[in-house]
Amino acid sequence: IVNGIFGVNTYLIIKGNECIIVDPGMDIASELI
């Protein structure tokens, strides 16, 4: 997920309905996640 004014790459590592977030950017769609 590319987000924020600096275009940071946030990554979701997903297995089933569980996930790990790597580097949550300022504009990450947190509620949807």
PDB file of all heavy atoms in Angstrom:
ATOM      1  N   ILE A   1       0.856  -1.174   0.000  1.00  0.00           N
ATOM      2  CA  ILE A   1       0.000   0.000   0.000  1.00  0.00           C
ATOM      3  C   ILE A   1       0.897   1.230   0.000  1.00  0.00           C
ATOM      4  O   ILE A   1       1.663   1.440   0.946  1.00  0.00           O
ATOM      5  CB  ILE A   1      -0.922   0.031   1.236  1.00  0.00           C
ATOM      6  CG1 ILE A   1      -1.758  -1.245   1.324  1.00  0.00           C
ATOM      7  CG2 ILE A   1      -1.826   1.264   1.204  1.00  0.00           C
ATOM      8  CD1 ILE A   1      -2.516  -1.378   2.643  1.00  0.00           C
ATOM      9  N   VAL A   2       0.817   2.022  -1.050  1.00  0.00           N
ATOM     10  CA  VAL A   2       1.599   3.259  -1.127  1.00  0.00           C
ATOM     11  C   VAL A   2       0.749   4.385  -0.543  1.00  0.00           C
ATOM     12  O   VAL A   2      -0.380   4.595  -0.972  1.00  0.00           O
ATOM     13  CB  VAL A   2       1.996   3.595  -2.577  1.00  0.00           C
ATOM     14  CG1 VAL A   2       2.849   4.864  -2.620  1.00  0.00           C
ATOM     15  CG2 VAL A   2       2.745   2.422  -3.208  1.00  0.00           C
ATOM     16  N   ASN A   3       1.278   5.102   0.455  1.00  0.00           N
ATOM     17  CA  ASN A   3       0.459   6.104   1.126  1.00  0.00           C
ATOM     18  C   ASN A   3       1.307   7.229   1.694  1.00  0.00           C
ATOM     19  O   ASN A   3       2.520   7.118   1.815  1.00  0.00           O
ATOM     20  CB  ASN A   3      -0.394   5.459   2.227  1.00  0.00           C
ATOM     21  CG  ASN A   3       0.438   4.902   3.360  1.00  0.00           C
ATOM     22  OD1 ASN A   3       0.530   5.500   4.419  1.00  0.00           O
ATOM     23  ND2 ASN A   3       1.073   3.756   3.156  1.00  0.00           N
ATOM     24  N   GLY A   4       0.634   8.337   2.043  1.00  0.00           N
ATOM     25  CA  GLY A   4       1.310   9.475   2.644  1.00  0.00           C
ATOM     26  C   GLY A   4       1.959  10.379   1.610  1.00  0.00           C
ATOM     27  O   GLY A   4       2.149  10.012   0.449  1.00  0.00           O
ATOM     28  N   ILE A   5       2.322  11.568   2.046  1.00  0.00           N
ATOM     29  CA  ILE A   5       2.897  12.556   1.129  1.00  0.00           C
ATOM     30  C   ILE A   5       4.275  12.149   0.617  1.00  0.00           C
ATOM     31  O   ILE A   5       4.746  12.654  -0.397  1.00  0.00           O
ATOM     32  CB  ILE A   5       2.967  13.954   1.793  1.00  0.00           C
ATOM     33  CG1 ILE A   5       3.836  13.905   3.053  1.00  0.00           C
ATOM     34  CG2 ILE A   5       1.595  14.487   2.091  1.00  0.00           C
ATOM     35  CD1 ILE A   5       4.060  15.286   3.685  1.00  0.00           C
ATOM     36  N   PHE A   6       4.923  11.217   1.314  1.00  0.00           N
ATOM     37  CA  PHE A   6       6.240  10.760   0.888  1.00  0.00           C
ATOM     38  C   PHE A   6       6.176   9.432   0.129  1.00  0.00           C
ATOM     39  O   PHE A   6       7.210   8.863  -0.204  1.00  0.00           O
ATOM     40  CB  PHE A   6       7.175  10.623   2.093  1.00  0.00           C
ATOM     41  CG  PHE A   6       7.419  11.921   2.808  1.00  0.00           C
ATOM     42  CD1 PHE A   6       6.852  12.169   4.045  1.00  0.00           C
ATOM     43  CD2 PHE A   6       8.207  12.907   2.222  1.00  0.00           C
ATOM     44  CE1 PHE A   6       7.065  13.373   4.702  1.00  0.00           C
ATOM     45  CE2 PHE A   6       8.427  14.114   2.868  1.00  0.00           C
ATOM     46  CZ  PHE A   6       7.850  14.352   4.108  1.00  0.00           C
ATOM     47  N   GLY A   7       4.970   8.942  -0.122  1.00  0.00           N
ATOM     48  CA  GLY A   7       4.817   7.709  -0.884  1.00  0.00           C
ATOM     49  C   GLY A   7       5.479   6.514  -0.228  1.00  0.00           C
ATOM     50  O   GLY A   7       6.168   5.726  -0.887  1.00  0.00           O
ATOM     51  N   VAL A   8       5.266   6.368   1.073  1.00  0.00           N
ATOM     52  CA  VAL A   8       5.873   5.237   1.780  1.00  0.00           C
ATOM     53  C   VAL A   8       5.162   3.943   1.402  1.00  0.00           C
ATOM     54  O   VAL A   8       3.956   3.923   1.159  1.00  0.00           O
ATOM     55  CB  VAL A   8       5.826   5.451   3.312  1.00  0.00           C
ATOM     56  CG1 VAL A   8       4.406   5.398   3.836  1.00  0.00           C
ATOM     57  CG2 VAL A   8       6.691   4.426   4.035  1.00  0.00           C
ATOM     58  N   ASN A   9       5.921   2.868   1.319  1.00  0.00           N
ATOM     59  CA  ASN A   9       5.359   1.544   1.092  1.00  0.00           C
ATOM     60  C   ASN A   9       5.024   0.908   2.437  1.00  0.00           C
ATOM     61  O   ASN A   9       5.929   0.578   3.209  1.00  0.00           O
ATOM     62  CB  ASN A   9       6.338   0.646   0.344  1.00  0.00           C
ATOM     63  CG  ASN A   9       6.584   1.096  -1.077  1.00  0.00           C
ATOM     64  OD1 ASN A   9       5.750   1.775  -1.673  1.00  0.00           O
ATOM     65  ND2 ASN A   9       7.728   0.729  -1.628  1.00  0.00           N
ATOM     66  N   THR A  10       3.749   0.746   2.698  1.00  0.00           N
ATOM     67  CA  THR A  10       3.283  -0.040   3.841  1.00  0.00           C
ATOM     68  C   THR A  10       2.946  -1.426   3.320  1.00  0.00           C
ATOM     69  O   THR A  10       2.356  -1.560   2.252  1.00  0.00           O
ATOM     70  CB  THR A  10       2.038   0.598   4.478  1.00  0.00           C
ATOM     71  OG1 THR A  10       2.399   1.857   5.063  1.00  0.00           O
ATOM     72  CG2 THR A  10       1.445  -0.296   5.556  1.00  0.00           C
ATOM     73  N   TYR A  11       3.328  -2.444   4.071  1.00  0.00           N
ATOM     74  CA  TYR A  11       3.073  -3.818   3.631  1.00  0.00           C
ATOM     75  C   TYR A  11       2.168  -4.543   4.624  1.00  0.00           C
ATOM     76  O   TYR A  11       2.345  -4.421   5.846  1.00  0.00           O
ATOM     77  CB  TYR A  11       4.386  -4.590   3.487  1.00  0.00           C
ATOM     78  CG  TYR A  11       5.309  -4.014   2.447  1.00  0.00           C
ATOM     79  CD1 TYR A  11       6.388  -3.221   2.815  1.00  0.00           C
ATOM     80  CD2 TYR A  11       5.103  -4.248   1.088  1.00  0.00           C
ATOM     81  CE1 TYR A  11       7.238  -2.674   1.866  1.00  0.00           C
ATOM     82  CE2 TYR A  11       5.947  -3.701   0.130  1.00  0.00           C
ATOM     83  CZ  TYR A  11       7.013  -2.922   0.527  1.00  0.00           C
ATOM     84  OH  TYR A  11       7.863  -2.373  -0.409  1.00  0.00           O
ATOM     85  N   LEU A  12       1.215  -5.285   4.078  1.00  0.00           N
ATOM     86  CA  LEU A  12       0.397  -6.201   4.866  1.00  0.00           C
ATOM     87  C   LEU A  12       0.824  -7.616   4.519  1.00  0.00           C
ATOM     88  O   LEU A  12       0.777  -8.013   3.345  1.00  0.00           O
ATOM     89  CB  LEU A  12      -1.090  -6.029   4.563  1.00  0.00           C
ATOM     90  CG  LEU A  12      -1.708  -4.639   4.702  1.00  0.00           C
ATOM     91  CD1 LEU A  12      -3.209  -4.720   4.452  1.00  0.00           C
ATOM     92  CD2 LEU A  12      -1.423  -4.034   6.066  1.00  0.00           C
ATOM     93  N   ILE A  13       1.257  -8.370   5.515  1.00  0.00           N
ATOM     94  CA  ILE A  13       1.605  -9.777   5.325  1.00  0.00           C
ATOM     95  C   ILE A  13       0.415 -10.568   5.851  1.00  0.00           C
ATOM     96  O   ILE A  13       0.099 -10.514   7.044  1.00  0.00           O
ATOM     97  CB  ILE A  13       2.888 -10.133   6.086  1.00  0.00           C
ATOM     98  CG1 ILE A  13       3.989  -9.119   5.761  1.00  0.00           C
ATOM     99  CG2 ILE A  13       3.345 -11.542   5.736  1.00  0.00           C
ATOM    100  CD1 ILE A  13       5.182  -9.205   6.687  1.00  0.00           C
ATOM    101  N   ILE A  14      -0.251 -11.288   4.978  1.00  0.00           N
ATOM    102  CA  ILE A  14      -1.579 -11.816   5.263  1.00  0.00           C
ATOM    103  C   ILE A  14      -1.587 -13.341   5.215  1.00  0.00           C
ATOM    104  O   ILE A  14      -1.053 -13.957   4.283  1.00  0.00           O
ATOM    105  CB  ILE A  14      -2.599 -11.266   4.243  1.00  0.00           C
ATOM    106  CG1 ILE A  14      -2.633  -9.728   4.290  1.00  0.00           C
ATOM    107  CG2 ILE A  14      -3.987 -11.843   4.487  1.00  0.00           C
ATOM    108  CD1 ILE A  14      -3.282  -9.092   3.085  1.00  0.00           C
ATOM    109  N   LYS A  15      -2.208 -13.934   6.235  1.00  0.00           N
ATOM    110  CA  LYS A  15      -2.535 -15.365   6.237  1.00  0.00           C
ATOM    111  C   LYS A  15      -3.962 -15.493   6.759  1.00  0.00           C
ATOM    112  O   LYS A  15      -4.235 -15.184   7.920  1.00  0.00           O
ATOM    113  CB  LYS A  15      -1.582 -16.150   7.134  1.00  0.00           C
ATOM    114  CG  LYS A  15      -0.231 -16.440   6.524  1.00  0.00           C
ATOM    115  CD  LYS A  15       0.571 -17.397   7.393  1.00  0.00           C
ATOM    116  CE  LYS A  15       1.927 -17.697   6.770  1.00  0.00           C
ATOM    117  NZ  LYS A  15       2.717 -18.653   7.602  1.00  0.00           N
ATOM    118  N   GLY A  16      -4.868 -15.926   5.898  1.00  0.00           N
ATOM    119  CA  GLY A  16      -6.267 -16.021   6.300  1.00  0.00           C
ATOM    120  C   GLY A  16      -6.807 -14.652   6.663  1.00  0.00           C
ATOM    121  O   GLY A  16      -6.709 -13.709   5.885  1.00  0.00           O
ATOM    122  N   ASN A  17      -7.329 -14.524   7.881  1.00  0.00           N
ATOM    123  CA  ASN A  17      -7.856 -13.225   8.318  1.00  0.00           C
ATOM    124  C   ASN A  17      -6.902 -12.510   9.274  1.00  0.00           C
ATOM    125  O   ASN A  17      -7.277 -11.545   9.924  1.00  0.00           O
ATOM    126  CB  ASN A  17      -9.227 -13.401   8.987  1.00  0.00           C
ATOM    127  CG  ASN A  17      -9.130 -14.134  10.321  1.00  0.00           C
ATOM    128  OD1 ASN A  17      -8.153 -14.846  10.563  1.00  0.00           O
ATOM    129  ND2 ASN A  17     -10.122 -13.964  11.169  1.00  0.00           N
ATOM    130  N   GLU A  18      -5.655 -12.997   9.348  1.00  0.00           N
ATOM    131  CA  GLU A  18      -4.652 -12.381  10.211  1.00  0.00           C
ATOM    132  C   GLU A  18      -3.609 -11.665   9.359  1.00  0.00           C
ATOM    133  O   GLU A  18      -3.311 -12.081   8.235  1.00  0.00           O
ATOM    134  CB  GLU A  18      -3.962 -13.431  11.082  1.00  0.00           C
ATOM    135  CG  GLU A  18      -4.900 -14.144  12.042  1.00  0.00           C
ATOM    136  CD  GLU A  18      -4.187 -15.174  12.885  1.00  0.00           C
ATOM    137  OE1 GLU A  18      -3.154 -15.711  12.429  1.00  0.00           O
ATOM    138  OE2 GLU A  18      -4.668 -15.460  14.003  1.00  0.00           O
ATOM    139  N   CYS A  19      -3.053 -10.587   9.923  1.00  0.00           N
ATOM    140  CA  CYS A  19      -2.002  -9.902   9.168  1.00  0.00           C
ATOM    141  C   CYS A  19      -1.009  -9.219  10.092  1.00  0.00           C
ATOM    142  O   CYS A  19      -1.296  -8.929  11.262  1.00  0.00           O
ATOM    143  CB  CYS A  19      -2.586  -8.901   8.175  1.00  0.00           C
ATOM    144  SG  CYS A  19      -3.010  -7.291   8.853  1.00  0.00           S
ATOM    145  N   ILE A  20       0.171  -8.994   9.554  1.00  0.00           N
ATOM    146  CA  ILE A  20       1.232  -8.200  10.166  1.00  0.00           C
ATOM    147  C   ILE A  20       1.393  -6.959   9.293  1.00  0.00           C
ATOM    148  O   ILE A  20       1.388  -7.053   8.058  1.00  0.00           O
ATOM    149  CB  ILE A  20       2.566  -8.963  10.201  1.00  0.00           C
ATOM    150  CG1 ILE A  20       2.428 -10.328  10.874  1.00  0.00           C
ATOM    151  CG2 ILE A  20       3.659  -8.117  10.867  1.00  0.00           C
ATOM    152  CD1 ILE A  20       2.278 -10.308  12.361  1.00  0.00           C
ATOM    153  N   ILE A  21       1.533  -5.803   9.915  1.00  0.00           N
ATOM    154  CA  ILE A  21       1.763  -4.568   9.164  1.00  0.00           C
ATOM    155  C   ILE A  21       3.233  -4.170   9.295  1.00  0.00           C
ATOM    156  O   ILE A  21       3.775  -4.138  10.398  1.00  0.00           O
ATOM    157  CB  ILE A  21       0.887  -3.415   9.685  1.00  0.00           C
ATOM    158  CG1 ILE A  21      -0.596  -3.773   9.577  1.00  0.00           C
ATOM    159  CG2 ILE A  21       1.179  -2.124   8.920  1.00  0.00           C
ATOM    160  CD1 ILE A  21      -1.522  -2.720  10.169  1.00  0.00           C
ATOM    161  N   VAL A  22       3.869  -3.872   8.174  1.00  0.00           N
ATOM    162  CA  VAL A  22       5.228  -3.346   8.169  1.00  0.00           C
ATOM    163  C   VAL A  22       5.164  -1.866   7.799  1.00  0.00           C
ATOM    164  O   VAL A  22       4.663  -1.510   6.730  1.00  0.00           O
ATOM    165  CB  VAL A  22       6.133  -4.098   7.175  1.00  0.00           C
ATOM    166  CG1 VAL A  22       7.546  -3.521   7.197  1.00  0.00           C
ATOM    167  CG2 VAL A  22       6.160  -5.590   7.484  1.00  0.00           C
ATOM    168  N   ASP A  23       5.640  -1.009   8.687  1.00  0.00           N
ATOM    169  CA  ASP A  23       5.733   0.441   8.471  1.00  0.00           C
ATOM    170  C   ASP A  23       4.399   1.089   8.094  1.00  0.00           C
ATOM    171  O   ASP A  23       4.170   1.458   6.936  1.00  0.00           O
ATOM    172  CB  ASP A  23       6.782   0.756   7.389  1.00  0.00           C
ATOM    173  CG  ASP A  23       8.210   0.559   7.879  1.00  0.00           C
ATOM    174  OD1 ASP A  23       8.397   0.333   9.087  1.00  0.00           O
ATOM    175  OD2 ASP A  23       9.132   0.641   7.051  1.00  0.00           O
ATOM    176  N   PRO A  24       3.507   1.252   9.064  1.00  0.00           N
ATOM    177  CA  PRO A  24       2.213   1.883   8.789  1.00  0.00           C
ATOM    178  C   PRO A  24       2.364   3.373   8.508  1.00  0.00           C
ATOM    179  O   PRO A  24       2.710   4.157   9.387  1.00  0.00           O
ATOM    180  CB  PRO A  24       1.418   1.642  10.075  1.00  0.00           C
ATOM    181  CG  PRO A  24       2.460   1.526  11.148  1.00  0.00           C
ATOM    182  CD  PRO A  24       3.649   0.881  10.491  1.00  0.00           C
ATOM    183  N   GLY A  25       2.129   3.773   7.266  1.00  0.00           N
ATOM    184  CA  GLY A  25       2.270   5.172   6.864  1.00  0.00           C
ATOM    185  C   GLY A  25       1.180   6.052   7.435  1.00  0.00           C
ATOM    186  O   GLY A  25       0.190   5.584   8.006  1.00  0.00           O
ATOM    187  N   MET A  26       1.328   7.345   7.235  1.00  0.00           N
ATOM    188  CA  MET A  26       0.447   8.323   7.870  1.00  0.00           C
ATOM    189  C   MET A  26      -0.990   8.233   7.372  1.00  0.00           C
ATOM    190  O   MET A  26      -1.924   8.540   8.103  1.00  0.00           O
ATOM    191  CB  MET A  26       0.991   9.738   7.631  1.00  0.00           C
ATOM    192  CG  MET A  26       2.375   9.967   8.188  1.00  0.00           C
ATOM    193  SD  MET A  26       3.023  11.612   7.819  1.00  0.00           S
ATOM    194  CE  MET A  26       2.060  12.626   8.940  1.00  0.00           C
ATOM    195  N   ASP A  27      -1.179   7.822   6.126  1.00  0.00           N
ATOM    196  CA  ASP A  27      -2.520   7.803   5.540  1.00  0.00           C
ATOM    197  C   ASP A  27      -3.028   6.391   5.287  1.00  0.00           C
ATOM    198  O   ASP A  27      -3.888   6.173   4.430  1.00  0.00           O
ATOM    199  CB  ASP A  27      -2.538   8.591   4.221  1.00  0.00           C
ATOM    200  CG  ASP A  27      -2.181  10.054   4.435  1.00  0.00           C
ATOM    201  OD1 ASP A  27      -2.520  10.598   5.497  1.00  0.00           O
ATOM    202  OD2 ASP A  27      -1.552  10.646   3.543  1.00  0.00           O
ATOM    203  N   ILE A  28      -2.507   5.426   6.028  1.00  0.00           N
ATOM    204  CA  ILE A  28      -2.944   4.049   5.838  1.00  0.00           C
ATOM    205  C   ILE A  28      -4.438   3.933   6.167  1.00  0.00           C
ATOM    206  O   ILE A  28      -4.943   4.577   7.096  1.00  0.00           O
ATOM    207  CB  ILE A  28      -2.114   3.091   6.712  1.00  0.00           C
ATOM    208  CG1 ILE A  28      -2.427   1.635   6.373  1.00  0.00           C
ATOM    209  CG2 ILE A  28      -2.310   3.355   8.187  1.00  0.00           C
ATOM    210  CD1 ILE A  28      -1.513   0.652   7.072  1.00  0.00           C
ATOM    211  N   ALA A  29      -5.153   3.125   5.391  1.00  0.00           N
ATOM    212  CA  ALA A  29      -6.602   2.950   5.589  1.00  0.00           C
ATOM    213  C   ALA A  29      -6.835   2.008   6.761  1.00  0.00           C
ATOM    214  O   ALA A  29      -7.242   0.857   6.603  1.00  0.00           O
ATOM    215  CB  ALA A  29      -7.232   2.418   4.310  1.00  0.00           C
ATOM    216  N   SER A  30      -6.598   2.520   7.957  1.00  0.00           N
ATOM    217  CA  SER A  30      -6.577   1.680   9.153  1.00  0.00           C
ATOM    218  C   SER A  30      -7.920   1.022   9.449  1.00  0.00           C
ATOM    219  O   SER A  30      -7.979  -0.149   9.830  1.00  0.00           O
ATOM    220  CB  SER A  30      -6.122   2.498  10.360  1.00  0.00           C
ATOM    221  OG  SER A  30      -6.933   3.640  10.510  1.00  0.00           O
ATOM    222  N   GLU A  31      -9.007   1.755   9.282  1.00  0.00           N
ATOM    223  CA  GLU A  31     -10.316   1.192   9.599  1.00  0.00           C
ATOM    224  C   GLU A  31     -10.681   0.055   8.657  1.00  0.00           C
ATOM    225  O   GLU A  31     -11.233  -0.967   9.080  1.00  0.00           O
ATOM    226  CB  GLU A  31     -11.389   2.286   9.569  1.00  0.00           C
ATOM    227  CG  GLU A  31     -11.262   3.293  10.700  1.00  0.00           C
ATOM    228  CD  GLU A  31     -11.189   2.637  12.079  1.00  0.00           C
ATOM    229  OE1 GLU A  31     -12.005   1.725  12.354  1.00  0.00           O
ATOM    230  OE2 GLU A  31     -10.304   3.020  12.863  1.00  0.00           O
ATOM    231  N   LEU A  32     -10.352   0.204   7.386  1.00  0.00           N
ATOM    232  CA  LEU A  32     -10.623  -0.869   6.433  1.00  0.00           C
ATOM    233  C   LEU A  32      -9.792  -2.106   6.756  1.00  0.00           C
ATOM    234  O   LEU A  32     -10.275  -3.231   6.651  1.00  0.00           O
ATOM    235  CB  LEU A  32     -10.314  -0.392   5.005  1.00  0.00           C
ATOM    236  CG  LEU A  32     -11.263   0.648   4.419  1.00  0.00           C
ATOM    237  CD1 LEU A  32     -10.788   1.091   3.044  1.00  0.00           C
ATOM    238  CD2 LEU A  32     -12.683   0.103   4.339  1.00  0.00           C
ATOM    239  N   ILE A  33      -8.544  -1.887   7.154  1.00  0.00           N
ATOM    240  CA  ILE A  33      -7.682  -3.014   7.519  1.00  0.00           C
ATOM    241  C   ILE A  33      -8.236  -3.731   8.745  1.00  0.00           C
ATOM    242  O   ILE A  33      -8.328  -4.967   8.780  1.00  0.00           O
ATOM    243  CB  ILE A  33      -6.244  -2.514   7.774  1.00  0.00           C
ATOM    244  CG1 ILE A  33      -5.611  -2.038   6.468  1.00  0.00           C
ATOM    245  CG2 ILE A  33      -5.385  -3.619   8.404  1.00  0.00           C
ATOM    246  CD1 ILE A  33      -4.290  -1.323   6.643  1.00  0.00           C
TER     247      ILE A  33
END
